[in-house]
Amino acid sequence: MIKAYNGSKLGVTSSHKKAMLRNLVTALFLHEKIETTLPKAKELVSYSEKLLTKAKKANLSAVRAVSSEIHDKAVVKKVFDVLAPRYKERNGGYIQILKVGPRRGDSADVAIVRLVI
């Protein structure tokens, strides 16, 4: 039997992964640029692009969907007031990954994740 594969496990439980992605996407939308490991960055791009695409609809359903994933009201407001209008004409590709190189302590590949301007 073939199991459906839905992204990398990142070496953590599913609830930990969900919480980690929520925290990363909140930080990304707040600061518009964050630094993290490459596997986390790749998962973050998929997760955050789906949220931004929902936010572009700007209806009550979209507000509820985004608010259920991002628990910081200021960040949700920023998503709908600043980010969604910025990408209104763009059909995806809102986020960019820039590889930095290995981290000094453990040689993990580090990347900068930023919103395309």
N, C-alpha and C. Protein backbone atom coordinates (compact mmCIF):
# COMPACT_ATOMS: atom_id res chain seq x y z
N MET A 1 0.83 -1.18 0.00
CA MET A 1 0.00 0.00 0.00
C MET A 1 0.88 1.25 0.00
N ILE A 2 0.59 2.19 -0.86
CA ILE A 2 1.38 3.42 -0.97
C ILE A 2 0.74 4.49 -0.09
N LYS A 3 1.57 5.08 0.78
CA LYS A 3 1.09 6.15 1.65
C LYS A 3 1.29 7.50 0.98
N ALA A 4 0.37 8.39 1.20
CA ALA A 4 0.52 9.74 0.66
C ALA A 4 1.64 10.46 1.42
N TYR A 5 2.49 11.15 0.70
CA TYR A 5 3.60 11.88 1.31
C TYR A 5 3.25 13.37 1.28
N ASN A 6 3.26 13.97 2.46
CA ASN A 6 2.88 15.37 2.56
C ASN A 6 4.00 16.17 3.22
N GLY A 7 5.10 16.35 2.52
CA GLY A 7 6.20 17.16 3.04
C GLY A 7 7.12 16.38 3.95
N SER A 8 8.16 17.06 4.37
CA SER A 8 9.18 16.48 5.23
C SER A 8 8.69 16.41 6.67
N LYS A 9 9.16 15.41 7.42
CA LYS A 9 8.77 15.28 8.82
C LYS A 9 9.59 16.20 9.73
N LEU A 10 10.76 16.61 9.27
CA LEU A 10 11.66 17.49 10.01
C LEU A 10 12.09 16.91 11.35
N GLY A 11 11.94 15.64 11.55
CA GLY A 11 12.41 14.98 12.76
C GLY A 11 11.61 15.31 14.01
N VAL A 12 10.38 15.75 13.86
CA VAL A 12 9.55 16.10 15.01
C VAL A 12 8.15 15.51 14.82
N THR A 13 7.36 15.56 15.88
CA THR A 13 5.99 15.06 15.79
C THR A 13 5.15 16.01 14.94
N SER A 14 4.00 15.55 14.51
CA SER A 14 3.15 16.37 13.65
C SER A 14 2.66 17.62 14.36
N SER A 15 2.35 17.53 15.64
CA SER A 15 1.88 18.70 16.37
C SER A 15 3.02 19.71 16.55
N HIS A 16 4.23 19.21 16.78
CA HIS A 16 5.39 20.09 16.91
C HIS A 16 5.67 20.79 15.58
N LYS A 17 5.56 20.04 14.49
CA LYS A 17 5.80 20.60 13.16
C LYS A 17 4.78 21.70 12.85
N LYS A 18 3.52 21.46 13.18
CA LYS A 18 2.47 22.44 12.93
C LYS A 18 2.72 23.71 13.73
N ALA A 19 3.07 23.57 15.00
CA ALA A 19 3.35 24.72 15.85
C ALA A 19 4.58 25.47 15.35
N MET A 20 5.61 24.73 14.93
CA MET A 20 6.83 25.35 14.43
C MET A 20 6.55 26.15 13.15
N LEU A 21 5.77 25.58 12.24
CA LEU A 21 5.44 26.29 11.01
C LEU A 21 4.59 27.53 11.27
N ARG A 22 3.68 27.44 12.24
CA ARG A 22 2.87 28.60 12.60
C ARG A 22 3.77 29.72 13.13
N ASN A 23 4.72 29.37 14.00
CA ASN A 23 5.63 30.37 14.54
C ASN A 23 6.52 30.96 13.46
N LEU A 24 7.01 30.13 12.54
CA LEU A 24 7.86 30.62 11.46
C LEU A 24 7.08 31.54 10.53
N VAL A 25 5.86 31.17 10.17
CA VAL A 25 5.07 32.01 9.25
C VAL A 25 4.68 33.32 9.93
N THR A 26 4.42 33.30 11.23
CA THR A 26 4.11 34.53 11.95
C THR A 26 5.31 35.46 11.93
N ALA A 27 6.50 34.92 12.19
CA ALA A 27 7.72 35.73 12.17
C ALA A 27 8.01 36.25 10.76
N LEU A 28 7.80 35.41 9.75
CA LEU A 28 8.05 35.82 8.38
C LEU A 28 7.13 36.97 7.97
N PHE A 29 5.85 36.87 8.27
CA PHE A 29 4.92 37.92 7.89
C PHE A 29 5.15 39.20 8.71
N LEU A 30 5.61 39.06 9.94
CA LEU A 30 5.87 40.22 10.78
C LEU A 30 7.12 40.97 10.32
N HIS A 31 8.22 40.23 10.12
CA HIS A 31 9.51 40.85 9.81
C HIS A 31 9.83 40.87 8.31
N GLU A 32 9.09 40.10 7.53
CA GLU A 32 9.25 39.96 6.08
C GLU A 32 10.57 39.33 5.66
N LYS A 33 11.37 38.88 6.62
CA LYS A 33 12.62 38.17 6.32
C LYS A 33 13.08 37.45 7.58
N ILE A 34 13.36 36.14 7.46
CA ILE A 34 13.86 35.38 8.60
C ILE A 34 14.99 34.46 8.13
N GLU A 35 15.76 33.98 9.08
CA GLU A 35 16.84 33.04 8.80
C GLU A 35 16.54 31.73 9.52
N THR A 36 16.60 30.62 8.80
CA THR A 36 16.30 29.31 9.37
C THR A 36 17.07 28.25 8.59
N THR A 37 16.90 27.00 8.97
CA THR A 37 17.57 25.93 8.23
C THR A 37 16.86 25.68 6.91
N LEU A 38 17.57 25.11 5.97
CA LEU A 38 17.03 24.91 4.62
C LEU A 38 15.80 24.00 4.58
N PRO A 39 15.79 22.85 5.28
CA PRO A 39 14.57 22.03 5.24
C PRO A 39 13.34 22.75 5.81
N LYS A 40 13.53 23.51 6.89
CA LYS A 40 12.41 24.27 7.45
C LYS A 40 11.97 25.35 6.47
N ALA A 41 12.92 25.96 5.80
CA ALA A 41 12.60 27.02 4.83
C ALA A 41 11.75 26.47 3.69
N LYS A 42 12.08 25.28 3.21
CA LYS A 42 11.33 24.70 2.10
C LYS A 42 9.89 24.37 2.52
N GLU A 43 9.70 23.88 3.74
CA GLU A 43 8.35 23.62 4.24
C GLU A 43 7.60 24.93 4.45
N LEU A 44 8.30 25.95 4.94
CA LEU A 44 7.70 27.24 5.22
C LEU A 44 7.16 27.91 3.96
N VAL A 45 7.87 27.78 2.86
CA VAL A 45 7.43 28.41 1.60
C VAL A 45 6.07 27.87 1.19
N SER A 46 5.92 26.56 1.19
CA SER A 46 4.65 25.95 0.80
C SER A 46 3.52 26.40 1.71
N TYR A 47 3.77 26.36 3.01
CA TYR A 47 2.75 26.70 4.01
C TYR A 47 2.33 28.16 3.91
N SER A 48 3.30 29.06 3.80
CA SER A 48 2.99 30.48 3.81
C SER A 48 2.39 30.96 2.48
N GLU A 49 2.78 30.35 1.37
CA GLU A 49 2.19 30.75 0.08
C GLU A 49 0.71 30.39 0.03
N LYS A 50 0.34 29.26 0.63
CA LYS A 50 -1.07 28.89 0.68
C LYS A 50 -1.87 29.90 1.51
N LEU A 51 -1.28 30.35 2.63
CA LEU A 51 -1.96 31.34 3.47
C LEU A 51 -2.12 32.67 2.74
N LEU A 52 -1.08 33.11 2.05
CA LEU A 52 -1.17 34.38 1.32
C LEU A 52 -2.19 34.31 0.19
N THR A 53 -2.27 33.16 -0.47
CA THR A 53 -3.24 32.99 -1.55
C THR A 53 -4.66 33.06 -1.00
N LYS A 54 -4.89 32.46 0.18
CA LYS A 54 -6.20 32.57 0.82
C LYS A 54 -6.50 34.02 1.19
N ALA A 55 -5.48 34.70 1.71
CA ALA A 55 -5.67 36.08 2.18
C ALA A 55 -6.01 37.03 1.05
N LYS A 56 -5.60 36.73 -0.16
CA LYS A 56 -5.89 37.61 -1.30
C LYS A 56 -7.38 37.70 -1.59
N LYS A 57 -8.16 36.71 -1.19
CA LYS A 57 -9.61 36.76 -1.41
C LYS A 57 -10.27 37.83 -0.53
N ALA A 58 -9.72 38.06 0.66
CA ALA A 58 -10.15 39.12 1.57
C ALA A 58 -11.64 39.06 1.92
N ASN A 59 -12.20 37.87 2.10
CA ASN A 59 -13.58 37.75 2.57
C ASN A 59 -13.57 37.17 3.98
N LEU A 60 -14.73 37.01 4.57
CA LEU A 60 -14.81 36.52 5.95
C LEU A 60 -14.21 35.14 6.10
N SER A 61 -14.45 34.28 5.13
CA SER A 61 -13.90 32.93 5.17
C SER A 61 -12.37 32.96 5.18
N ALA A 62 -11.79 33.84 4.38
CA ALA A 62 -10.33 33.97 4.32
C ALA A 62 -9.77 34.49 5.64
N VAL A 63 -10.45 35.46 6.24
CA VAL A 63 -10.01 36.01 7.52
C VAL A 63 -10.01 34.92 8.58
N ARG A 64 -11.06 34.12 8.61
CA ARG A 64 -11.14 33.04 9.60
C ARG A 64 -10.08 31.97 9.35
N ALA A 65 -9.83 31.64 8.10
CA ALA A 65 -8.83 30.62 7.77
C ALA A 65 -7.43 31.07 8.17
N VAL A 66 -7.10 32.31 7.87
CA VAL A 66 -5.77 32.83 8.20
C VAL A 66 -5.65 33.02 9.72
N SER A 67 -6.70 33.49 10.36
CA SER A 67 -6.68 33.70 11.81
C SER A 67 -6.54 32.39 12.57
N SER A 68 -7.02 31.30 11.99
CA SER A 68 -6.89 30.00 12.67
C SER A 68 -5.45 29.50 12.62
N GLU A 69 -4.67 29.97 11.68
CA GLU A 69 -3.26 29.55 11.56
C GLU A 69 -2.31 30.53 12.23
N ILE A 70 -2.62 31.83 12.16
CA ILE A 70 -1.77 32.86 12.77
C ILE A 70 -2.53 33.43 13.97
N HIS A 71 -1.96 33.28 15.15
CA HIS A 71 -2.67 33.66 16.37
C HIS A 71 -2.35 35.07 16.84
N ASP A 72 -1.50 35.80 16.15
CA ASP A 72 -1.17 37.18 16.50
C ASP A 72 -2.05 38.12 15.67
N LYS A 73 -2.91 38.86 16.35
CA LYS A 73 -3.88 39.71 15.65
C LYS A 73 -3.21 40.80 14.83
N ALA A 74 -2.09 41.32 15.32
CA ALA A 74 -1.37 42.36 14.58
C ALA A 74 -0.83 41.82 13.26
N VAL A 75 -0.36 40.59 13.27
CA VAL A 75 0.18 39.98 12.06
C VAL A 75 -0.95 39.68 11.07
N VAL A 76 -2.09 39.21 11.58
CA VAL A 76 -3.24 38.96 10.70
C VAL A 76 -3.69 40.26 10.03
N LYS A 77 -3.71 41.34 10.81
CA LYS A 77 -4.07 42.65 10.25
C LYS A 77 -3.08 43.06 9.17
N LYS A 78 -1.80 42.83 9.41
CA LYS A 78 -0.77 43.18 8.42
C LYS A 78 -0.94 42.35 7.15
N VAL A 79 -1.28 41.07 7.30
CA VAL A 79 -1.46 40.20 6.14
C VAL A 79 -2.56 40.75 5.24
N PHE A 80 -3.68 41.15 5.83
CA PHE A 80 -4.81 41.62 5.02
C PHE A 80 -4.68 43.07 4.57
N ASP A 81 -4.01 43.92 5.35
CA ASP A 81 -3.90 45.34 5.01
C ASP A 81 -2.69 45.67 4.14
N VAL A 82 -1.60 44.89 4.30
CA VAL A 82 -0.36 45.22 3.59
C VAL A 82 0.03 44.14 2.58
N LEU A 83 0.13 42.90 3.03
CA LEU A 83 0.69 41.85 2.18
C LEU A 83 -0.26 41.39 1.07
N ALA A 84 -1.51 41.14 1.40
CA ALA A 84 -2.45 40.66 0.37
C ALA A 84 -2.63 41.67 -0.77
N PRO A 85 -2.79 42.98 -0.48
CA PRO A 85 -2.87 43.93 -1.59
C PRO A 85 -1.57 44.02 -2.41
N ARG A 86 -0.43 43.83 -1.74
CA ARG A 86 0.85 43.88 -2.44
C ARG A 86 0.94 42.79 -3.52
N TYR A 87 0.39 41.61 -3.23
CA TYR A 87 0.50 40.47 -4.15
C TYR A 87 -0.80 40.20 -4.91
N LYS A 88 -1.70 41.18 -4.97
CA LYS A 88 -3.00 40.99 -5.61
C LYS A 88 -2.86 40.56 -7.07
N GLU A 89 -1.92 41.13 -7.79
CA GLU A 89 -1.74 40.83 -9.22
C GLU A 89 -0.79 39.67 -9.47
N ARG A 90 -0.19 39.13 -8.43
CA ARG A 90 0.81 38.07 -8.58
C ARG A 90 0.17 36.70 -8.35
N ASN A 91 0.46 35.73 -9.22
CA ASN A 91 -0.12 34.39 -9.10
C ASN A 91 0.86 33.41 -8.47
N GLY A 92 1.23 33.64 -7.25
CA GLY A 92 2.16 32.75 -6.56
C GLY A 92 3.57 33.27 -6.63
N GLY A 93 4.50 32.57 -5.98
CA GLY A 93 5.89 32.99 -5.97
C GLY A 93 6.11 34.22 -5.11
N TYR A 94 5.46 34.27 -3.95
CA TYR A 94 5.56 35.43 -3.07
C TYR A 94 6.80 35.39 -2.20
N ILE A 95 7.43 34.21 -2.11
CA ILE A 95 8.50 34.01 -1.15
C ILE A 95 9.74 33.50 -1.85
N GLN A 96 10.89 33.93 -1.36
CA GLN A 96 12.17 33.60 -1.97
C GLN A 96 13.08 32.98 -0.91
N ILE A 97 13.82 31.94 -1.30
CA ILE A 97 14.79 31.31 -0.41
C ILE A 97 16.18 31.63 -0.93
N LEU A 98 17.02 32.19 -0.06
CA LEU A 98 18.41 32.48 -0.40
C LEU A 98 19.30 31.62 0.49
N LYS A 99 20.11 30.76 -0.09
CA LYS A 99 20.99 29.90 0.69
C LYS A 99 22.17 30.71 1.21
N VAL A 100 22.46 30.55 2.50
CA VAL A 100 23.53 31.29 3.14
C VAL A 100 24.79 30.44 3.24
N GLY A 101 24.63 29.16 3.57
CA GLY A 101 25.76 28.27 3.75
C GLY A 101 25.62 27.51 5.05
N PRO A 102 26.66 26.80 5.46
CA PRO A 102 26.55 26.01 6.69
C PRO A 102 26.62 26.88 7.95
N ARG A 103 25.88 26.45 8.96
CA ARG A 103 25.90 27.11 10.26
C ARG A 103 27.18 26.72 10.98
N ARG A 104 27.74 27.60 11.75
CA ARG A 104 29.04 27.37 12.38
C ARG A 104 29.02 26.23 13.39
N GLY A 105 27.98 26.15 14.20
CA GLY A 105 27.96 25.18 15.29
C GLY A 105 27.79 23.74 14.85
N ASP A 106 26.82 23.47 13.95
CA ASP A 106 26.51 22.09 13.59
C ASP A 106 26.53 21.82 12.08
N SER A 107 26.98 22.77 11.30
CA SER A 107 27.08 22.64 9.84
C SER A 107 25.73 22.41 9.15
N ALA A 108 24.65 22.82 9.78
CA ALA A 108 23.34 22.73 9.13
C ALA A 108 23.26 23.81 8.05
N ASP A 109 22.66 23.46 6.91
CA ASP A 109 22.50 24.44 5.84
C ASP A 109 21.50 25.50 6.27
N VAL A 110 21.91 26.76 6.18
CA VAL A 110 21.08 27.87 6.61
C VAL A 110 20.59 28.64 5.38
N ALA A 111 19.37 29.15 5.46
CA ALA A 111 18.79 29.92 4.36
C ALA A 111 18.05 31.13 4.92
N ILE A 112 18.00 32.17 4.11
CA ILE A 112 17.20 33.34 4.43
C ILE A 112 15.91 33.23 3.62
N VAL A 113 14.79 33.35 4.29
CA VAL A 113 13.48 33.30 3.63
C VAL A 113 12.92 34.72 3.68
N ARG A 114 12.55 35.25 2.52
CA ARG A 114 12.03 36.61 2.50
C ARG A 114 10.87 36.74 1.52
N LEU A 115 10.05 37.74 1.78
CA LEU A 115 8.94 38.04 0.88
C LEU A 115 9.46 38.82 -0.30
N VAL A 116 9.02 38.47 -1.49
CA VAL A 116 9.43 39.17 -2.70
C VAL A 116 8.76 40.54 -2.71
N ILE A 117 9.51 41.54 -3.07
CA ILE A 117 8.97 42.91 -3.06
C ILE A 117 8.52 43.32 -4.44
